[in-house]
Amino acid sequence: MIAKEFITDKEIIADCCWAISYNSDAKKGKIEVLINSGIIPKIVSYITDDYLSLVVPCVRILGNVSTGTASQTEEIIKCGGVNQLYETLGNSKKTVRR
């Protein structure tokens, strides 16, 4: 059995999230692949992280997903993304609020 290793370095995770955000930008087929990967709940969980460099690409990813179909947008809602995004409106950083 192969043990799964998880990356815990937030800088590496943030870089990965930026790559995902660029890859999912305005490409409906790529959004579906992203959803099928099962990563949306993890992306949603990062939105309220203290590490700003991680929050920004995650918000962007969810923005990209929300431009897809209604069922793709529903994936964000099912994961509690709306509540998490609402919390970002109170963030002290203008970059996150925008």
Protein backbone atom coordinates (compact mmCIF):
# COMPACT_ATOMS: atom_id res chain seq x y z
CA MET A 1 0.00 0.00 0.00
CA ILE A 2 1.28 3.44 -0.91
CA ALA A 3 0.98 6.07 1.81
CA LYS A 4 -0.42 9.40 0.70
CA GLU A 5 1.69 12.38 1.62
CA PHE A 6 0.04 15.73 2.01
CA ILE A 7 1.71 19.05 1.34
CA THR A 8 1.45 21.34 4.34
CA ASP A 9 3.66 24.23 3.21
CA LYS A 10 1.21 27.05 2.47
CA GLU A 11 3.53 28.70 -0.03
CA ILE A 12 3.59 25.53 -2.14
CA ILE A 13 -0.17 25.12 -1.82
CA ALA A 14 -0.67 28.76 -2.87
CA ASP A 15 1.52 28.23 -5.96
CA CYS A 16 -0.54 25.15 -6.85
CA CYS A 17 -3.74 27.12 -6.40
CA TRP A 18 -2.48 29.85 -8.71
CA ALA A 19 -1.76 27.19 -11.35
CA ILE A 20 -5.27 25.79 -10.91
CA SER A 21 -6.79 29.25 -11.20
CA TYR A 22 -4.99 29.98 -14.45
CA ASN A 23 -5.94 26.59 -15.83
CA SER A 24 -9.63 26.97 -14.97
CA ASP A 25 -10.03 30.51 -16.29
CA ALA A 26 -12.95 30.59 -18.76
CA LYS A 27 -12.58 26.99 -19.83
CA LYS A 28 -15.81 25.11 -19.13
CA GLY A 29 -14.30 21.65 -19.78
CA LYS A 30 -11.45 22.35 -17.40
CA ILE A 31 -13.90 23.48 -14.73
CA GLU A 32 -15.60 20.09 -14.95
CA VAL A 33 -12.26 18.31 -14.58
CA LEU A 34 -11.54 20.45 -11.53
CA ILE A 35 -14.89 19.58 -9.97
CA ASN A 36 -14.46 15.87 -10.74
CA SER A 37 -11.08 15.93 -8.99
CA GLY A 38 -12.88 16.59 -5.70
CA ILE A 39 -10.71 19.57 -4.80
CA ILE A 40 -13.48 22.18 -4.48
CA PRO A 41 -14.17 21.48 -0.76
CA LYS A 42 -10.45 21.96 0.00
CA ILE A 43 -10.34 25.20 -2.01
CA VAL A 44 -13.39 26.44 -0.08
CA SER A 45 -11.66 25.61 3.21
CA TYR A 46 -8.65 27.75 2.29
CA ILE A 47 -10.72 30.92 1.73
CA THR A 48 -10.66 31.90 5.39
CA ASP A 49 -7.00 31.03 5.94
CA ASP A 50 -4.74 33.65 7.51
CA TYR A 51 -2.20 33.33 4.71
CA LEU A 52 -3.29 35.96 2.18
CA SER A 53 -1.17 34.47 -0.61
CA LEU A 54 -3.32 31.35 -0.35
CA VAL A 55 -6.69 33.08 -0.03
CA VAL A 56 -6.46 35.16 -3.21
CA PRO A 57 -5.96 32.30 -5.71
CA CYS A 58 -8.66 30.26 -3.98
CA VAL A 59 -11.19 33.07 -4.32
CA ARG A 60 -10.19 33.35 -7.96
CA ILE A 61 -10.67 29.60 -8.52
CA LEU A 62 -14.17 29.77 -7.08
CA GLY A 63 -14.89 32.78 -9.26
CA ASN A 64 -13.80 30.78 -12.30
CA VAL A 65 -15.96 27.81 -11.30
CA SER A 66 -18.96 30.08 -10.77
CA THR A 67 -18.73 31.22 -14.41
CA GLY A 68 -19.50 27.67 -15.51
CA THR A 69 -22.84 25.94 -15.68
CA ALA A 70 -25.47 26.06 -12.96
CA SER A 71 -24.50 22.57 -11.80
CA GLN A 72 -20.85 23.61 -11.58
CA THR A 73 -21.79 26.65 -9.49
CA GLU A 74 -23.90 24.34 -7.31
CA GLU A 75 -20.69 22.52 -6.33
CA ILE A 76 -19.48 25.67 -4.60
CA ILE A 77 -22.79 26.03 -2.78
CA LYS A 78 -22.79 22.39 -1.64
CA CYS A 79 -19.36 22.86 -0.05
CA GLY A 80 -20.42 25.92 1.93
CA GLY A 81 -18.57 28.25 -0.40
CA VAL A 82 -21.13 31.03 -0.26
CA ASN A 83 -20.77 31.39 3.51
CA GLN A 84 -16.98 31.27 3.25
CA LEU A 85 -16.96 33.88 0.48
CA TYR A 86 -19.27 36.07 2.55
CA GLU A 87 -16.70 36.01 5.35
CA THR A 88 -14.05 37.37 2.98
CA LEU A 89 -16.07 40.57 2.60
CA GLY A 90 -14.94 41.51 6.09
CA ASN A 91 -11.27 40.82 5.37
CA SER A 92 -8.98 43.75 6.17
CA LYS A 93 -7.11 43.28 2.88
CA LYS A 94 -8.63 45.11 -0.08
CA THR A 95 -7.17 42.50 -2.46
CA VAL A 96 -9.29 39.78 -0.85
CA ARG A 97 -12.47 41.86 -0.70
CA ARG A 98 -12.15 42.84 -4.34
